[in-house]
Amino acid sequence: MCTLGSIYAIQVEPDWIEVTRPDVPLPGLPEALDGFTIAQLSDLHLGAYVSAEDVRRSVEIANDLEADLIVLTGDFVYQSATYSVACAQELASLQAGHGIYAVLGNHDNWTNADEVAGNLTRAGIEVLRDERRTLEVANTRLWILGIEDTGFSGGFFSDFRALWQKSSDVLAALLKGIPADEPRLLLVHNPDFVEMLPEGRIDLALCGHTHGGQVRLPFIGAPLVPSCFGQKYVSGLVQGPSTLVYVNRGVGLIVPPVRFNCRPEVTLLRLRRR
């Protein structure tokens, strides 16, 4: 039985991508954006344990969803930025009517953020490095704000807050001047950041990073979660202090290269008026 369980966790579940389809109710959402769809891919981690073919399969799944917008929430590589060449080549096939937007994650930062971002940009992906963009949807504007990962995660939140304070200040500057009735979507790899959002409304944050814990045990949940808040941001739709957060379980994986009761995920979020 143990042998079968090991085979399943190593060879079966890591390749068994689940498509999740949450409806996200947002107060004040303009009527034109009711039903707007966002496909999210995260934590591809192309490298020793994830192949270009694995990334290609997730791209095909995302394209089949025919989303209005596709977002990529970081960690494109594992251990070397050179993998970003092959990763970007696969991601270049993504298609969405309102574009493809990305932010970088801690592993991209730990390797070579400029190299990863450059390869993604050359593949036609809009990489937001502490930047904002606007989408025009039926005469309605949707703002996308992208905050780049600092490379620091886990540990004590007091340390996290100190090392991410500059990012909070950057976001505060990006929020200035956005009309009060126009919705704002935040892309940031690490969900812990939503615990320190600056003043100024964020309607929805899309994150990755935690991989759902990769292993989830009955009655216990995920024993290891790279977050200052334990299981709070392990996966799925979460209410943060000031905004809703969706935490994607990711497509790839890192050491230990197993998944158990925590399938890789491609998400199709549908915005709804509340």
Protein backbone atom coordinates (compact mmCIF):
# COMPACT_ATOMS: atom_id res chain seq x y z
CA MET A 1 0.00 0.00 0.00
CA CYS A 2 2.83 2.40 0.85
CA THR A 3 4.46 1.64 -2.52
CA LEU A 4 1.22 2.39 -4.38
CA GLY A 5 0.80 5.61 -2.43
CA SER A 6 4.33 6.70 -3.30
CA ILE A 7 3.80 5.96 -6.99
CA TYR A 8 0.56 7.94 -6.94
CA ALA A 9 2.13 10.96 -5.18
CA ILE A 10 5.20 11.01 -7.43
CA GLN A 11 3.91 9.92 -10.84
CA VAL A 12 0.14 10.37 -10.96
CA GLU A 13 -1.16 13.35 -9.04
CA PRO A 14 1.56 15.85 -10.12
CA ASP A 15 0.36 15.40 -13.71
CA TRP A 16 -3.37 15.37 -12.92
CA ILE A 17 -4.29 19.00 -13.49
CA GLU A 18 -7.62 20.13 -12.08
CA VAL A 19 -9.62 23.00 -13.57
CA THR A 20 -11.34 24.97 -10.81
CA ARG A 21 -14.13 27.42 -11.68
CA PRO A 22 -14.90 29.75 -8.76
CA ASP A 23 -17.43 32.54 -9.05
CA VAL A 24 -16.07 35.65 -7.35
CA PRO A 25 -18.73 38.07 -6.03
CA LEU A 26 -17.46 41.65 -5.96
CA PRO A 27 -19.46 44.54 -4.51
CA GLY A 28 -19.77 47.45 -6.90
CA LEU A 29 -18.63 45.50 -9.94
CA PRO A 30 -19.79 47.34 -13.09
CA GLU A 31 -22.48 45.56 -15.06
CA ALA A 32 -20.19 45.28 -18.09
CA LEU A 33 -17.78 43.12 -16.05
CA ASP A 34 -20.43 40.77 -14.68
CA GLY A 35 -19.36 37.37 -16.03
CA PHE A 36 -15.86 38.53 -17.05
CA THR A 37 -13.52 35.52 -16.91
CA ILE A 38 -9.89 35.30 -15.83
CA ALA A 39 -7.75 32.19 -16.34
CA GLN A 40 -4.91 31.92 -13.84
CA LEU A 41 -1.72 29.89 -14.12
CA SER A 42 0.84 29.96 -11.35
CA ASP A 43 4.04 28.32 -10.09
CA LEU A 44 4.97 26.54 -13.31
CA HIS A 45 8.50 25.91 -11.97
CA LEU A 46 9.95 24.58 -15.21
CA GLY A 47 13.13 22.79 -14.19
CA ALA A 48 14.29 19.45 -12.87
CA TYR A 49 10.79 18.22 -11.95
CA VAL A 50 8.61 20.03 -14.49
CA SER A 51 9.11 19.70 -18.25
CA ALA A 52 8.26 21.99 -21.15
CA GLU A 53 5.62 19.42 -22.08
CA ASP A 54 3.99 19.88 -18.65
CA VAL A 55 3.84 23.64 -19.25
CA ARG A 56 2.47 23.06 -22.76
CA ARG A 57 -0.35 20.95 -21.38
CA SER A 58 -1.34 23.66 -18.89
CA VAL A 59 -1.29 26.22 -21.70
CA GLU A 60 -3.60 24.05 -23.80
CA ILE A 61 -5.99 23.69 -20.85
CA ALA A 62 -5.99 27.45 -20.26
CA ASN A 63 -6.64 28.21 -23.93
CA ASP A 64 -9.54 25.75 -24.00
CA LEU A 65 -11.22 27.80 -21.25
CA GLU A 66 -11.51 30.77 -23.67
CA ALA A 67 -11.06 33.29 -20.86
CA ASP A 68 -11.35 37.04 -21.39
CA LEU A 69 -8.01 37.55 -19.63
CA ILE A 70 -5.10 35.31 -18.63
CA VAL A 71 -2.85 36.07 -15.65
CA LEU A 72 0.37 34.36 -14.60
CA THR A 73 1.24 34.81 -10.93
CA GLY A 74 4.92 33.98 -10.76
CA ASP A 75 7.58 31.31 -10.27
CA PHE A 76 8.18 30.37 -13.88
CA VAL A 77 11.46 28.56 -13.15
CA TYR A 78 13.14 26.41 -10.54
CA GLN A 79 16.84 26.75 -9.66
CA SER A 80 17.93 28.40 -12.94
CA ALA A 81 16.68 31.34 -14.98
CA THR A 82 17.81 29.56 -18.16
CA TYR A 83 14.62 27.49 -17.95
CA SER A 84 12.67 30.67 -18.67
CA VAL A 85 13.55 30.39 -22.36
CA ALA A 86 11.64 27.14 -22.80
CA CYS A 87 8.91 28.29 -20.41
CA ALA A 88 8.35 31.49 -22.37
CA GLN A 89 8.26 29.57 -25.66
CA GLU A 90 5.37 27.48 -24.35
CA LEU A 91 3.54 30.43 -22.79
CA ALA A 92 3.73 32.34 -26.08
CA SER A 93 0.82 30.16 -27.28
CA LEU A 94 -1.57 31.57 -24.67
CA GLN A 95 -4.55 33.43 -26.12
CA ALA A 96 -7.06 35.76 -24.48
CA GLY A 97 -9.08 38.64 -25.86
CA HIS A 98 -7.83 41.11 -23.26
CA GLY A 99 -4.24 39.92 -23.10
CA ILE A 100 -1.76 38.00 -20.99
CA TYR A 101 -0.32 39.63 -17.87
CA ALA A 102 2.31 38.30 -15.46
CA VAL A 103 4.20 39.06 -12.28
CA LEU A 104 7.39 37.40 -11.08
CA GLY A 105 7.73 35.15 -8.03
CA ASN A 106 10.40 34.50 -5.44
CA HIS A 107 12.11 31.76 -7.47
CA ASP A 108 12.34 34.10 -10.46
CA ASN A 109 13.86 36.68 -8.13
CA TRP A 110 16.30 34.16 -6.63
CA THR A 111 17.62 33.17 -10.05
CA ASN A 112 17.63 36.21 -12.37
CA ALA A 113 14.50 38.35 -12.45
CA ASP A 114 15.64 40.44 -15.42
CA GLU A 115 16.38 37.35 -17.52
CA VAL A 116 13.04 35.72 -16.69
CA ALA A 117 11.09 38.93 -17.34
CA GLY A 118 12.96 39.57 -20.58
CA ASN A 119 12.21 36.14 -22.00
CA LEU A 120 8.53 36.44 -21.06
CA THR A 121 8.30 39.89 -22.64
CA ARG A 122 9.86 38.65 -25.87
CA ALA A 123 7.18 35.92 -25.92
CA GLY A 124 4.47 38.60 -25.97
CA ILE A 125 3.56 38.49 -22.27
CA GLU A 126 3.06 41.76 -20.42
CA VAL A 127 5.20 41.52 -17.27
CA LEU A 128 4.16 43.99 -14.59
CA ARG A 129 7.13 44.90 -12.45
CA ASP A 130 5.55 47.25 -9.91
CA GLU A 131 3.34 48.68 -12.66
CA ARG A 132 -0.31 49.13 -13.58
CA ARG A 133 -2.35 48.77 -16.77
CA THR A 134 -5.97 49.41 -17.74
CA LEU A 135 -8.28 47.20 -19.75
CA GLU A 136 -11.22 48.62 -21.69
CA VAL A 137 -14.21 46.27 -21.47
CA ALA A 138 -17.41 47.53 -23.10
CA ASN A 139 -16.64 51.16 -22.20
CA THR A 140 -15.70 50.12 -18.65
CA ARG A 141 -12.17 50.16 -17.24
CA LEU A 142 -10.54 47.39 -15.21
CA TRP A 143 -7.21 48.19 -13.59
CA ILE A 144 -4.47 45.57 -13.25
CA LEU A 145 -1.74 46.27 -10.71
CA GLY A 146 1.31 44.03 -10.58
CA ILE A 147 3.71 43.90 -7.62
CA GLU A 148 7.00 42.05 -8.03
CA ASP A 149 8.05 39.52 -5.40
CA THR A 150 10.82 40.59 -3.05
CA GLY A 151 12.17 37.05 -2.61
CA PHE A 152 11.33 36.93 1.10
CA SER A 153 8.63 34.54 2.34
CA GLY A 154 7.60 32.71 5.49
CA GLY A 155 9.07 33.35 8.92
CA PHE A 156 7.73 36.04 11.23
CA PHE A 157 5.29 38.53 9.78
CA SER A 158 7.15 41.42 11.42
CA ASP A 159 10.19 40.54 9.27
CA PHE A 160 8.01 40.03 6.22
CA ARG A 161 6.36 43.43 6.72
CA ALA A 162 9.72 45.19 6.99
CA LEU A 163 11.09 43.57 3.83
CA TRP A 164 7.90 44.20 1.83
CA GLN A 165 7.23 47.76 3.03
CA LYS A 166 8.72 49.29 -0.12
CA SER A 167 6.32 47.18 -2.20
CA SER A 168 3.42 48.47 -0.12
CA ASP A 169 4.57 52.03 -0.76
CA VAL A 170 4.82 51.29 -4.49
CA LEU A 171 1.27 49.92 -4.54
CA ALA A 172 0.01 53.00 -2.72
CA ALA A 173 1.50 55.16 -5.47
CA LEU A 174 -0.03 52.95 -8.19
CA LEU A 175 -3.47 53.28 -6.62
CA LYS A 176 -3.39 57.07 -6.71
CA GLY A 177 -5.55 58.63 -9.36
CA ILE A 178 -7.70 55.57 -10.06
CA PRO A 179 -11.36 56.66 -10.10
CA ALA A 180 -13.31 55.35 -7.12
CA ASP A 181 -15.87 53.48 -9.24
CA GLU A 182 -13.31 51.55 -11.33
CA PRO A 183 -12.38 48.02 -10.14
CA ARG A 184 -8.79 47.05 -9.33
CA LEU A 185 -7.20 43.63 -9.70
CA LEU A 186 -3.92 42.98 -7.89
CA LEU A 187 -1.42 40.40 -9.12
CA VAL A 188 1.19 39.45 -6.52
CA HIS A 189 2.87 36.09 -6.09
CA ASN A 190 2.90 35.87 -2.30
CA PRO A 191 -0.54 36.07 -0.64
CA ASP A 192 0.93 37.21 2.69
CA PHE A 193 1.30 40.65 1.09
CA VAL A 194 -2.46 41.22 1.27
CA GLU A 195 -2.12 41.47 5.05
CA MET A 196 -0.32 44.80 4.60
CA LEU A 197 -2.13 46.48 1.73
CA PRO A 198 -1.92 50.28 1.77
CA GLU A 199 -4.95 52.54 1.84
CA GLY A 200 -6.90 52.41 -1.40
CA ARG A 201 -9.34 49.76 -2.49
CA ILE A 202 -8.28 46.46 -4.04
CA ASP A 203 -11.25 44.43 -5.27
CA LEU A 204 -9.47 41.11 -5.80
CA ALA A 205 -5.93 39.81 -5.36
CA LEU A 206 -4.66 36.83 -7.35
CA CYS A 207 -1.71 34.94 -5.88
CA GLY A 208 0.16 31.63 -5.91
CA HIS A 209 3.30 30.64 -4.00
CA THR A 210 1.94 28.16 -1.45
CA HIS A 211 1.27 25.26 -3.89
CA GLY A 212 -1.63 24.25 -1.66
CA GLY A 213 1.08 22.77 0.54
CA GLN A 214 1.65 20.04 -2.14
CA VAL A 215 0.65 17.44 0.48
CA ARG A 216 -2.66 17.55 2.38
CA LEU A 217 -3.37 15.02 5.09
CA PRO A 218 -6.83 14.08 6.37
CA PHE A 219 -7.87 16.07 9.46
CA ILE A 220 -4.53 17.91 9.45
CA GLY A 221 -4.39 19.74 6.15
CA ALA A 222 -1.05 20.83 4.72
CA PRO A 223 1.79 20.20 7.19
CA LEU A 224 4.10 22.68 5.43
CA VAL A 225 2.91 25.99 4.01
CA PRO A 226 5.41 28.75 3.08
CA SER A 227 3.36 31.50 4.71
CA CYS A 228 3.49 33.57 7.87
CA PHE A 229 -0.18 32.68 8.43
CA GLY A 230 -0.11 28.90 8.36
CA GLN A 231 -3.05 27.39 6.50
CA LYS A 232 -4.96 30.66 5.95
CA TYR A 233 -3.59 31.20 2.44
CA VAL A 234 -2.96 27.59 1.51
CA SER A 235 -5.32 27.68 -1.51
CA GLY A 236 -8.65 28.84 -2.88
CA LEU A 237 -10.79 31.91 -2.25
CA VAL A 238 -9.89 33.60 1.05
CA GLN A 239 -11.15 36.77 2.70
CA GLY A 240 -8.14 38.90 3.57
CA PRO A 241 -8.22 41.91 5.90
CA SER A 242 -9.43 44.27 3.16
CA THR A 243 -9.95 42.23 -0.02
CA LEU A 244 -10.80 38.86 -1.44
CA VAL A 245 -7.80 36.73 -2.39
CA TYR A 246 -7.60 33.73 -4.69
CA VAL A 247 -4.58 31.49 -4.06
CA ASN A 248 -3.81 29.15 -6.94
CA ARG A 249 -2.24 25.76 -6.07
CA GLY A 250 0.10 26.01 -9.04
CA VAL A 251 0.94 23.71 -11.92
CA GLY A 252 4.48 22.73 -10.96
CA LEU A 253 6.21 21.63 -7.79
CA ILE A 254 9.48 21.85 -5.92
CA VAL A 255 11.34 19.61 -3.46
CA PRO A 256 9.92 17.29 -2.32
CA PRO A 257 8.57 16.64 -5.86
CA VAL A 258 5.29 15.07 -4.75
CA ARG A 259 1.62 15.98 -4.57
CA PHE A 260 -0.92 14.19 -2.43
CA ASN A 261 -4.55 15.24 -2.11
CA CYS A 262 -3.47 18.53 -3.69
CA ARG A 263 -3.74 18.39 -7.46
CA PRO A 264 -2.09 20.99 -9.68
CA GLU A 265 -4.51 23.68 -10.75
CA VAL A 266 -5.58 25.87 -13.64
CA THR A 267 -8.22 28.35 -12.49
CA LEU A 268 -11.07 30.02 -14.35
CA LEU A 269 -12.42 32.84 -12.19
CA ARG A 270 -15.72 34.46 -13.14
CA LEU A 271 -16.41 37.91 -11.73
CA ARG A 272 -19.96 38.46 -10.48
CA ARG A 273 -21.90 41.48 -9.25
CA ARG A 274 -22.87 41.15 -5.61
